[in-house]
Amino acid sequence: MRPLLPARWLAVGAFTLFTALNYLDRQTLAALAPRLKAEFQLTNEDYGWLQSAFYLVYALCAPFAGLFIDRVGLSAGAMVSIVVWSLAAVATGLVDGFAGLFACRMLLGAAEAGGIPAFGKASATYLHPRERALGTGVNQLGLSLGSMAAPLLAVYVAERFGWRAAFAVAGGLGLFWAPLWRGVHRRVGEGTAISPAPHASGAGEVARDARLWALVAGNILIMTVYSLWTNWTTIFLVQQYHLTAAEANQRYAWIPPIFAALGGLFGGWMALYLMKRGATVMQARDRSILAGCLALLATMAVPLMREPGWAIATVSASFFLSVAVSANMYALPQDIFGAKRAAFAVSAITSGYGLMLTFFSPLVGFLVDDFGFLPVCMLSSVLPLAGWALMKATTFRAEAAA
């Protein structure tokens, strides 16, 4: 009997779980932020600097993580990454102040820098080019599952055993992934759908390619909306509508990640649909990204909603669109540079994303403390369109001329 899904999608499923655990550990801090702010007497700007600690190290380590995964192989690289980040998450529950939180976020950022590059290499290894945006969309299920589980699991455990136990549970779950992948890997092997890199064979050549740096800059601008709802949804609900942290997490904060998952699948489907109608891979990416960035202008309306239910509906739509765009953005390095250098190429735009958050997170905290969320949402709504315009003038034009 023919299997329901090709074996390569089993590998993608395992790495989707890998991503879910990555985001569960990453987002536990966001879910527990109001508790930690109260216990350690932190401001929103202090919280922004905690995010910066994570993302600065994340950004600096991502290229090295990509090179490491390309060199030692997908399996070994992914296992090292998840074991170290799981231990860092557990250690967060042992801290006694801001300095300890800061140090643990730095360690977590260093280890989690291998997460997205590892999935990028898995996607480029096991999937055909036409499937990669859909694969990125499937991976968004993992991001969304982790983001959705974080507030629910964190509140459930914290209310019964304290917030420290929530970090221990979230981190401990990651240690079960390595034996799971060993079993999957024995079944699926090293991958049979590998497409050769069409333009570059060495990391140095990839690093000197202007299209890579255009991808990095474009992604920095495009991902601002995504970063806003990933890190600030709970605080937005608490500050804007005077909810408790438990109310915000249990009633609302888990909803947008569901729409984010659907957005990833939609972005992958849109690109596949356009290709079936005659568009090239690059034309499909271009049109899908433009449509999403135009629709994201509606993000500026989020803080104007009078009720938290309407606000979370608008947040969900914004999150949906940002992830639909992201599905195609993160497929582009695989399209251009192929499977051999996929981890390194994906790590470059991951690094740019981390650098953006290093500076954007404290800025968001400052603006929220002094002016509220309206200027943040207005700024975030227009930057993705600027990112698409940069991509149109560089990467898409270069590919069209090739």
Protein backbone atom coordinates (compact mmCIF):
# COMPACT_ATOMS: atom_id res chain seq x y z
CA MET A 1 0.00 0.00 0.00
CA ARG A 2 1.31 3.43 -0.92
CA PRO A 3 2.03 5.57 2.19
CA LEU A 4 -0.27 8.49 2.86
CA LEU A 5 2.67 10.90 2.75
CA PRO A 6 6.13 10.49 1.18
CA ALA A 7 8.85 9.70 3.71
CA ARG A 8 10.47 13.10 3.15
CA TRP A 9 7.47 14.75 4.79
CA LEU A 10 8.04 12.60 7.88
CA ALA A 11 11.45 14.25 8.18
CA VAL A 12 9.85 17.66 7.75
CA GLY A 13 7.33 16.74 10.47
CA ALA A 14 10.13 15.85 12.89
CA PHE A 15 11.77 19.21 12.28
CA THR A 16 8.44 20.95 12.68
CA LEU A 17 8.33 19.50 16.21
CA PHE A 18 11.94 20.66 16.62
CA THR A 19 10.78 24.18 15.81
CA ALA A 20 7.81 23.90 18.17
CA LEU A 21 10.14 23.07 21.05
CA ASN A 22 12.43 25.93 20.01
CA TYR A 23 9.59 28.43 20.24
CA LEU A 24 8.12 26.92 23.40
CA ASP A 25 11.37 27.62 25.24
CA ARG A 26 11.76 31.01 23.59
CA GLN A 27 8.23 32.24 24.32
CA THR A 28 7.92 31.03 27.90
CA LEU A 29 9.55 34.28 29.02
CA ALA A 30 7.00 36.34 27.07
CA ALA A 31 4.14 34.38 28.66
CA LEU A 32 5.53 34.90 32.18
CA ALA A 33 6.77 38.46 31.59
CA PRO A 34 4.16 40.17 33.83
CA ARG A 35 5.05 37.83 36.73
CA LEU A 36 8.78 38.34 36.30
CA LYS A 37 8.38 42.10 35.88
CA ALA A 38 6.53 42.24 39.19
CA GLU A 39 8.93 39.93 41.06
CA PHE A 40 12.13 41.58 39.82
CA GLN A 41 10.67 45.11 39.48
CA LEU A 42 11.37 45.43 35.76
CA THR A 43 10.09 48.09 33.36
CA ASN A 44 8.95 47.41 29.80
CA GLU A 45 12.30 48.76 28.67
CA ASP A 46 14.06 46.26 30.94
CA TYR A 47 11.99 43.51 29.34
CA GLY A 48 13.00 44.85 25.95
CA TRP A 49 16.66 44.54 26.93
CA LEU A 50 16.08 40.91 27.93
CA GLN A 51 14.76 40.34 24.44
CA SER A 52 17.84 42.12 23.08
CA ALA A 53 20.14 39.86 25.07
CA PHE A 54 18.58 36.86 23.38
CA TYR A 55 18.47 38.28 19.88
CA LEU A 56 21.91 39.87 19.82
CA VAL A 57 23.58 36.57 20.64
CA TYR A 58 21.12 34.78 18.37
CA ALA A 59 22.11 37.06 15.50
CA LEU A 60 25.85 36.79 16.10
CA CYS A 61 25.78 33.01 16.46
CA ALA A 62 23.38 32.20 13.60
CA PRO A 63 25.99 32.26 10.76
CA PHE A 64 28.34 30.06 12.79
CA ALA A 65 25.45 27.73 13.61
CA GLY A 66 24.62 27.49 9.91
CA LEU A 67 28.24 26.74 9.01
CA PHE A 68 28.41 24.17 11.82
CA ILE A 69 25.27 22.37 10.63
CA ASP A 70 26.47 22.37 7.01
CA ARG A 71 29.82 20.95 8.14
CA VAL A 72 28.82 18.26 10.69
CA GLY A 73 25.53 17.36 9.05
CA LEU A 74 21.88 17.97 9.79
CA SER A 75 21.42 15.31 12.47
CA ALA A 76 24.46 16.10 14.62
CA GLY A 77 24.00 19.86 14.32
CA ALA A 78 20.34 19.76 15.28
CA MET A 79 20.97 17.49 18.28
CA VAL A 80 23.69 19.73 19.70
CA SER A 81 21.46 22.76 19.30
CA ILE A 82 18.37 21.36 21.01
CA VAL A 83 20.20 19.81 23.95
CA VAL A 84 22.02 23.07 24.78
CA TRP A 85 18.95 25.29 24.43
CA SER A 86 16.87 22.90 26.57
CA LEU A 87 19.43 23.11 29.37
CA ALA A 88 19.49 26.92 29.07
CA ALA A 89 15.70 27.02 29.42
CA VAL A 90 15.83 24.86 32.53
CA ALA A 91 18.54 27.11 34.01
CA THR A 92 16.26 30.16 33.61
CA GLY A 93 14.11 28.77 36.42
CA LEU A 94 17.09 28.95 38.80
CA VAL A 95 17.89 32.67 38.52
CA ASP A 96 17.39 35.24 41.25
CA GLY A 97 17.42 38.55 39.37
CA PHE A 98 17.78 40.50 36.16
CA ALA A 99 21.44 39.54 35.67
CA GLY A 100 20.61 35.84 35.81
CA LEU A 101 17.74 36.26 33.36
CA PHE A 102 20.04 38.21 31.05
CA ALA A 103 22.73 35.50 31.10
CA CYS A 104 20.25 32.68 30.48
CA ARG A 105 18.66 34.53 27.58
CA MET A 106 22.11 34.96 26.03
CA LEU A 107 22.85 31.23 26.31
CA LEU A 108 19.40 30.37 24.98
CA GLY A 109 19.95 32.71 22.03
CA ALA A 110 23.30 31.11 21.18
CA ALA A 111 21.84 27.59 21.13
CA GLU A 112 18.55 28.44 19.42
CA ALA A 113 20.45 30.16 16.60
CA GLY A 114 20.69 26.72 15.01
CA GLY A 115 16.93 26.15 14.95
CA ILE A 116 15.76 27.88 11.77
CA PRO A 117 18.96 27.06 9.80
CA ALA A 118 18.48 23.38 10.70
CA PHE A 119 14.94 23.41 9.39
CA GLY A 120 16.10 25.27 6.27
CA LYS A 121 18.64 22.55 5.59
CA ALA A 122 16.05 19.84 6.23
CA SER A 123 13.63 21.52 3.81
CA ALA A 124 16.25 21.95 1.10
CA THR A 125 17.41 18.36 1.63
CA TYR A 126 14.08 16.56 1.61
CA LEU A 127 11.72 18.76 -0.45
CA HIS A 128 11.48 19.72 -4.11
CA PRO A 129 11.79 23.47 -4.90
CA ARG A 130 8.06 23.83 -5.59
CA GLU A 131 7.33 22.36 -2.13
CA ARG A 132 9.65 24.53 -0.06
CA ALA A 133 7.35 27.45 0.69
CA LEU A 134 4.71 24.90 1.70
CA GLY A 135 7.36 23.20 3.83
CA THR A 136 8.12 26.55 5.45
CA GLY A 137 4.39 26.93 6.02
CA VAL A 138 4.29 23.51 7.68
CA ASN A 139 7.22 24.60 9.84
CA GLN A 140 5.13 27.57 10.89
CA LEU A 141 2.80 25.02 12.46
CA GLY A 142 5.70 24.27 14.75
CA LEU A 143 6.34 27.93 15.49
CA SER A 144 2.65 28.43 16.16
CA LEU A 145 2.31 25.29 18.26
CA GLY A 146 5.23 26.39 20.42
CA SER A 147 3.95 29.96 20.64
CA MET A 148 0.43 28.77 21.46
CA ALA A 149 1.57 26.18 23.99
CA ALA A 150 3.88 28.61 25.82
CA PRO A 151 1.21 30.81 27.45
CA LEU A 152 -1.09 27.86 28.21
CA LEU A 153 1.60 25.57 29.61
CA ALA A 154 3.43 28.38 31.42
CA VAL A 155 0.31 29.62 33.20
CA TYR A 156 -0.88 26.10 34.04
CA VAL A 157 2.44 25.09 35.59
CA ALA A 158 3.19 28.48 37.18
CA GLU A 159 -0.14 28.68 39.00
CA ARG A 160 0.38 25.23 40.51
CA PHE A 161 4.13 24.99 41.05
CA GLY A 162 5.52 28.49 40.47
CA TRP A 163 7.06 30.20 37.46
CA ARG A 164 10.41 28.48 37.95
CA ALA A 165 8.83 25.09 37.34
CA ALA A 166 7.34 26.37 34.08
CA PHE A 167 10.82 26.96 32.66
CA ALA A 168 11.97 23.54 33.87
CA VAL A 169 9.07 21.74 32.21
CA ALA A 170 9.40 23.64 28.92
CA GLY A 171 13.14 23.00 28.75
CA GLY A 172 12.87 19.37 29.78
CA LEU A 173 10.57 18.52 26.88
CA GLY A 174 13.28 19.31 24.35
CA LEU A 175 15.52 16.53 25.59
CA PHE A 176 13.10 13.93 24.16
CA TRP A 177 13.52 15.13 20.56
CA ALA A 178 16.98 13.64 19.90
CA PRO A 179 15.94 9.96 20.26
CA LEU A 180 12.79 10.70 18.25
CA TRP A 181 14.84 12.06 15.34
CA ARG A 182 17.21 9.09 15.46
CA GLY A 183 14.23 6.81 14.84
CA VAL A 184 12.88 9.00 12.03
CA HIS A 185 16.31 9.32 10.44
CA ARG A 186 16.77 5.57 10.27
CA ARG A 187 13.58 5.42 8.23
CA VAL A 188 13.99 8.39 5.89
CA GLY A 189 17.76 8.30 5.35
CA GLU A 190 19.81 11.25 4.14
CA GLY A 191 17.25 12.59 1.67
CA THR A 192 16.62 11.88 -1.97
CA ALA A 193 15.18 15.20 -3.20
CA ILE A 194 18.37 17.21 -2.91
CA SER A 195 18.67 19.88 -5.60
CA PRO A 196 22.19 21.15 -6.31
CA ALA A 197 23.11 24.73 -5.58
CA PRO A 198 22.62 26.49 -8.91
CA HIS A 199 24.98 29.40 -8.41
CA ALA A 200 27.36 28.93 -5.48
CA SER A 201 29.16 25.98 -3.96
CA GLY A 202 31.18 27.50 -1.13
CA ALA A 203 30.23 29.47 1.96
CA GLY A 204 32.59 32.27 0.97
CA GLU A 205 30.96 32.61 -2.44
CA VAL A 206 27.51 32.68 -0.81
CA ALA A 207 28.68 35.36 1.64
CA ARG A 208 29.93 37.54 -1.23
CA ASP A 209 26.69 37.25 -3.18
CA ALA A 210 24.80 40.58 -3.18
CA ARG A 211 21.47 38.75 -3.39
CA LEU A 212 22.07 37.25 0.04
CA TRP A 213 22.53 40.65 1.66
CA ALA A 214 19.45 41.99 -0.09
CA LEU A 215 17.54 39.07 1.43
CA VAL A 216 18.94 39.93 4.85
CA ALA A 217 17.96 43.61 4.61
CA GLY A 218 14.53 42.88 3.15
CA ASN A 219 13.79 40.31 5.83
CA ILE A 220 14.77 42.73 8.60
CA LEU A 221 12.07 45.14 7.44
CA ILE A 222 9.46 42.51 6.65
CA MET A 223 9.69 40.64 9.96
CA THR A 224 9.00 43.60 12.26
CA VAL A 225 5.27 42.78 12.44
CA TYR A 226 6.00 39.14 13.15
CA SER A 227 8.38 40.07 15.98
CA LEU A 228 5.81 42.43 17.49
CA TRP A 229 3.15 39.76 17.99
CA THR A 230 5.66 37.08 18.89
CA ASN A 231 7.08 39.00 21.85
CA TRP A 232 4.56 41.62 22.95
CA THR A 233 1.02 40.21 22.67
CA THR A 234 0.58 39.41 26.37
CA ILE A 235 1.97 42.77 27.50
CA PHE A 236 -0.22 44.53 24.91
CA LEU A 237 -3.36 42.90 26.29
CA VAL A 238 -2.41 43.59 29.91
CA GLN A 239 -1.47 47.23 29.33
CA GLN A 240 -4.11 48.17 26.76
CA TYR A 241 -7.14 46.43 28.32
CA HIS A 242 -6.08 46.09 31.98
CA LEU A 243 -6.33 42.31 31.99
CA THR A 244 -4.37 40.12 34.37
CA ALA A 245 -1.57 38.06 32.86
CA ALA A 246 -3.58 34.88 33.41
CA GLU A 247 -6.64 36.36 31.66
CA ALA A 248 -4.54 37.62 28.76
CA ASN A 249 -2.82 34.27 28.25
CA GLN A 250 -5.74 31.93 28.83
CA ARG A 251 -8.40 33.91 26.97
CA TYR A 252 -6.53 35.57 24.13
CA ALA A 253 -2.74 35.20 23.71
CA TRP A 254 -2.93 31.61 22.45
CA ILE A 255 -5.27 32.52 19.55
CA PRO A 256 -2.97 34.47 17.15
CA PRO A 257 -0.48 31.58 16.81
CA ILE A 258 -3.30 29.44 15.37
CA PHE A 259 -3.83 32.02 12.62
CA ALA A 260 -0.07 32.29 12.18
CA ALA A 261 0.03 28.57 11.40
CA LEU A 262 -2.77 28.98 8.86
CA GLY A 263 -0.93 31.96 7.37
CA GLY A 264 2.19 29.88 6.79
CA LEU A 265 0.18 27.22 4.97
CA PHE A 266 -1.62 29.90 2.98
CA GLY A 267 1.66 31.53 1.92
CA GLY A 268 3.01 28.18 0.76
CA TRP A 269 -0.23 27.36 -1.05
CA MET A 270 -0.30 30.75 -2.77
CA ALA A 271 3.19 30.30 -4.19
CA LEU A 272 2.39 26.75 -5.32
CA TYR A 273 -0.86 27.96 -6.94
CA LEU A 274 0.94 30.72 -8.84
CA MET A 275 3.59 28.28 -10.05
CA LYS A 276 0.91 25.91 -11.32
CA ARG A 277 -0.57 28.82 -13.27
CA GLY A 278 2.70 29.46 -15.04
CA ALA A 279 4.69 31.74 -12.73
CA THR A 280 8.35 30.98 -12.15
CA VAL A 281 9.51 30.28 -8.61
CA MET A 282 10.80 33.85 -8.22
CA GLN A 283 7.67 35.41 -9.71
CA ALA A 284 5.53 33.42 -7.29
CA ARG A 285 7.65 34.52 -4.33
CA ASP A 286 7.55 38.17 -5.50
CA ARG A 287 3.77 38.30 -5.93
CA SER A 288 3.03 36.45 -2.71
CA ILE A 289 5.27 38.72 -0.65
CA LEU A 290 3.85 41.90 -2.21
CA ALA A 291 0.23 40.87 -1.56
CA GLY A 292 0.98 40.13 2.08
CA CYS A 293 2.91 43.35 2.67
CA LEU A 294 0.11 45.49 1.23
CA ALA A 295 -2.45 43.80 3.48
CA LEU A 296 -0.20 44.27 6.52
CA LEU A 297 -0.85 48.02 6.42
CA ALA A 298 -4.00 47.18 8.43
CA THR A 299 -1.75 46.42 11.44
CA MET A 300 -1.91 50.08 12.46
CA ALA A 301 -5.57 49.57 13.40
CA VAL A 302 -4.85 47.06 16.20
CA PRO A 303 -4.56 49.49 19.17
CA LEU A 304 -7.66 51.37 17.97
CA MET A 305 -9.91 48.42 18.82
CA ARG A 306 -12.11 49.14 21.86
CA GLU A 307 -12.52 45.55 23.01
CA PRO A 308 -9.80 42.92 23.55
CA GLY A 309 -11.76 40.43 21.43
CA TRP A 310 -11.69 42.73 18.39
CA ALA A 311 -8.05 43.58 19.08
CA ILE A 312 -7.02 39.93 19.15
CA ALA A 313 -8.96 39.31 15.93
CA THR A 314 -6.99 42.11 14.25
CA VAL A 315 -3.74 40.83 15.75
CA SER A 316 -4.59 37.37 14.41
CA ALA A 317 -5.14 38.76 10.90
CA SER A 318 -1.84 40.66 11.08
CA PHE A 319 -0.01 37.57 12.33
CA PHE A 320 -1.61 35.46 9.57
CA LEU A 321 -0.37 37.83 6.88
CA SER A 322 3.12 38.26 8.30
CA VAL A 323 3.66 34.51 8.38
CA ALA A 324 2.26 34.07 4.86
CA VAL A 325 4.98 36.48 3.74
CA SER A 326 7.60 34.76 5.91
CA ALA A 327 6.89 31.35 4.34
CA ASN A 328 8.12 32.70 1.02
CA MET A 329 10.95 34.79 2.46
CA TYR A 330 12.58 31.82 4.17
CA ALA A 331 12.22 29.66 1.06
CA LEU A 332 14.22 32.15 -1.02
CA PRO A 333 17.71 31.23 0.32
CA GLN A 334 16.96 27.58 -0.47
CA ASP A 335 15.77 28.52 -3.97
CA ILE A 336 18.85 30.59 -4.74
CA PHE A 337 21.66 28.64 -3.05
CA GLY A 338 20.37 25.06 -2.90
CA ALA A 339 20.65 22.34 -0.26
CA LYS A 340 24.43 22.26 0.13
CA ARG A 341 24.60 25.74 1.66
CA ALA A 342 21.00 26.02 2.84
CA ALA A 343 21.80 26.17 6.57
CA PHE A 344 24.35 28.95 6.08
CA ALA A 345 22.15 30.94 3.67
CA VAL A 346 19.12 30.68 5.95
CA SER A 347 21.29 31.52 8.96
CA ALA A 348 22.23 34.83 7.33
CA ILE A 349 18.65 36.08 7.21
CA THR A 350 18.05 34.57 10.65
CA SER A 351 21.01 36.60 11.90
CA GLY A 352 19.56 39.75 10.37
CA TYR A 353 16.25 39.06 12.08
CA GLY A 354 18.04 38.70 15.40
CA LEU A 355 19.96 41.95 14.90
CA MET A 356 16.73 43.74 14.07
CA LEU A 357 15.18 42.54 17.34
CA THR A 358 18.29 43.49 19.28
CA PHE A 359 17.53 47.15 18.55
CA PHE A 360 13.81 46.96 17.83
CA SER A 361 12.85 45.37 21.17
CA PRO A 362 14.21 48.18 23.40
CA LEU A 363 12.70 50.71 20.97
CA VAL A 364 9.31 49.04 21.31
CA GLY A 365 9.67 49.05 25.10
CA PHE A 366 10.60 52.75 25.11
CA LEU A 367 7.73 53.71 22.81
CA VAL A 368 5.20 51.63 24.76
CA ASP A 369 6.31 53.09 28.09
CA ASP A 370 6.06 56.68 26.83
CA PHE A 371 3.43 56.64 24.05
CA GLY A 372 1.58 53.32 24.05
CA PHE A 373 1.24 50.79 21.25
CA LEU A 374 -0.18 53.03 18.50
CA PRO A 375 3.16 54.39 17.17
CA VAL A 376 4.67 50.90 17.36
CA CYS A 377 1.87 49.43 15.25
CA MET A 378 2.01 52.30 12.77
CA LEU A 379 5.76 51.86 12.29
CA SER A 380 5.49 48.07 12.02
CA SER A 381 2.72 48.25 9.43
CA VAL A 382 4.74 50.16 6.80
CA LEU A 383 8.18 48.55 7.15
CA PRO A 384 7.25 45.26 5.40
CA LEU A 385 6.27 47.12 2.23
CA ALA A 386 9.63 48.89 2.30
CA GLY A 387 11.25 45.47 2.61
CA TRP A 388 9.43 44.18 -0.46
CA ALA A 389 10.45 47.30 -2.46
CA LEU A 390 14.10 46.63 -1.57
CA MET A 391 13.75 42.99 -2.64
CA LYS A 392 12.07 44.02 -5.89
CA ALA A 393 14.92 46.37 -6.75
CA THR A 394 17.64 43.83 -5.97
CA THR A 395 17.06 40.10 -5.58
CA PHE A 396 13.98 39.70 -7.78
CA ARG A 397 15.44 41.92 -10.49
CA ALA A 398 18.74 39.99 -10.44
CA GLU A 399 16.95 36.65 -10.71
CA ALA A 400 14.78 37.88 -13.55
CA ALA A 401 17.87 38.98 -15.46
CA ALA A 402 19.70 35.67 -14.86
